[in-house]
Amino acid sequence: MAAVFRRREDGVDTLAGVLDSASAPAVFEAGRKLWASRPHPSDLRLDLSGLERVDSAALATLVAWKGWARTRGLRLVYLGAPPALAALARLSGIGDLFGEAPGPN
């Protein structure tokens, strides 16, 4: 099942399911449209702990969302990155995407 968005009562968005090369384009657009439709958003927070399967396309999607948010003057914070996604980010040299220091070169 492709990843789906939900909004918690505390205002944090969640993403659960599969975010891979097959689902990434549609999930990216869904996230962009969701956040663009919000009136006067401040910081955006996305809990990733519900992701069941990810690949490099998931990482590319998260980087693209960060860029999209930055061009709109928004701050996007990722919470609860699954271990596989955090490891992929470290191996790619962008562990700081989740607030971690980049891994060794």
Protein backbone atom coordinates (compact mmCIF):
# COMPACT_ATOMS: atom_id res chain seq x y z
CA MET A 1 0.00 0.00 0.00
CA ALA A 2 1.34 3.41 -0.96
CA ALA A 3 2.07 5.78 1.89
CA VAL A 4 -0.87 7.84 3.14
CA PHE A 5 -1.06 11.06 5.13
CA ARG A 6 -3.02 11.59 8.31
CA ARG A 7 -3.15 14.56 10.68
CA ARG A 8 -2.91 13.96 14.42
CA GLU A 9 -4.76 16.07 16.98
CA ASP A 10 -1.47 17.71 17.97
CA GLY A 11 -1.07 19.10 14.43
CA VAL A 12 1.66 16.68 13.35
CA ASP A 13 1.16 15.03 9.98
CA THR A 14 1.95 11.33 9.73
CA LEU A 15 3.01 9.25 6.77
CA ALA A 16 2.41 5.51 6.88
CA GLY A 17 2.76 2.66 4.40
CA VAL A 18 5.22 2.20 1.55
CA LEU A 19 7.29 5.03 0.11
CA ASP A 20 9.34 3.62 -2.76
CA SER A 21 10.06 4.29 -6.42
CA ALA A 22 6.56 3.17 -7.42
CA SER A 23 4.70 5.41 -4.97
CA ALA A 24 7.07 8.37 -4.54
CA PRO A 25 5.78 10.64 -7.35
CA ALA A 26 2.15 10.43 -6.18
CA VAL A 27 3.09 10.72 -2.50
CA PHE A 28 5.26 13.77 -3.21
CA GLU A 29 2.36 15.50 -4.96
CA ALA A 30 -0.06 14.54 -2.19
CA GLY A 31 2.22 16.08 0.44
CA ARG A 32 2.83 19.20 -1.58
CA LYS A 33 -0.90 19.72 -2.18
CA LEU A 34 -1.74 19.01 1.46
CA TRP A 35 0.71 21.60 2.79
CA ALA A 36 -0.06 24.16 0.05
CA SER A 37 -3.76 24.02 0.95
CA ARG A 38 -3.19 24.96 4.58
CA PRO A 39 -3.86 28.59 5.42
CA HIS A 40 -0.79 30.29 6.85
CA PRO A 41 1.16 27.22 7.90
CA SER A 42 4.10 27.67 10.21
CA ASP A 43 6.53 24.88 10.79
CA LEU A 44 5.51 21.62 9.19
CA ARG A 45 6.12 18.43 11.13
CA LEU A 46 5.94 15.00 9.53
CA ASP A 47 6.13 11.79 11.56
CA LEU A 48 7.67 9.05 9.45
CA SER A 49 7.49 6.26 12.03
CA GLY A 50 4.60 4.57 10.19
CA LEU A 51 6.62 3.92 7.04
CA GLU A 52 6.86 0.18 6.51
CA ARG A 53 9.13 0.04 3.46
CA VAL A 54 11.38 2.66 1.88
CA ASP A 55 14.03 2.90 -0.79
CA SER A 56 16.18 5.67 -2.24
CA ALA A 57 13.09 7.26 -3.81
CA ALA A 58 11.77 7.87 -0.30
CA LEU A 59 14.93 9.76 0.55
CA ALA A 60 14.67 11.78 -2.67
CA THR A 61 11.05 12.64 -1.82
CA LEU A 62 11.99 13.90 1.64
CA VAL A 63 14.80 16.03 0.21
CA ALA A 64 12.45 17.44 -2.44
CA TRP A 65 9.83 18.31 0.20
CA LYS A 66 12.48 20.13 2.25
CA GLY A 67 13.39 22.19 -0.82
CA TRP A 68 9.75 22.89 -1.62
CA ALA A 69 9.12 24.07 1.95
CA ARG A 70 12.26 26.22 2.02
CA THR A 71 11.23 28.08 -1.16
CA ARG A 72 8.00 29.02 0.63
CA GLY A 73 9.71 30.19 3.78
CA LEU A 74 8.54 27.15 5.74
CA ARG A 75 10.50 24.84 7.99
CA LEU A 76 9.80 21.12 7.53
CA VAL A 77 10.88 18.83 10.37
CA TYR A 78 10.92 15.06 10.08
CA LEU A 79 10.18 12.98 13.17
CA GLY A 80 10.53 9.27 13.87
CA ALA A 81 12.51 8.20 10.82
CA PRO A 82 12.52 4.40 10.56
CA PRO A 83 15.98 2.86 11.04
CA ALA A 84 16.27 1.82 7.39
CA LEU A 85 15.55 5.36 6.21
CA ALA A 86 17.93 6.92 8.73
CA ALA A 87 20.66 4.48 7.65
CA LEU A 88 20.07 5.28 3.99
CA ALA A 89 20.36 9.00 4.74
CA ARG A 90 23.62 8.46 6.65
CA LEU A 91 25.06 6.35 3.82
CA SER A 92 24.08 9.10 1.39
CA GLY A 93 25.85 11.73 3.50
CA ILE A 94 22.64 13.52 4.47
CA GLY A 95 22.03 12.14 7.94
CA ASP A 96 21.34 15.71 9.01
CA LEU A 97 18.01 15.44 7.16
CA PHE A 98 16.74 13.95 10.43
CA GLY A 99 18.82 16.11 12.72
CA GLU A 100 21.81 13.78 12.71
CA ALA A 101 25.37 14.65 11.84
CA PRO A 102 26.46 13.44 8.40
CA GLY A 103 28.26 10.11 8.38
CA PRO A 104 31.98 9.74 7.63
CA ASN A 105 33.11 10.20 4.04
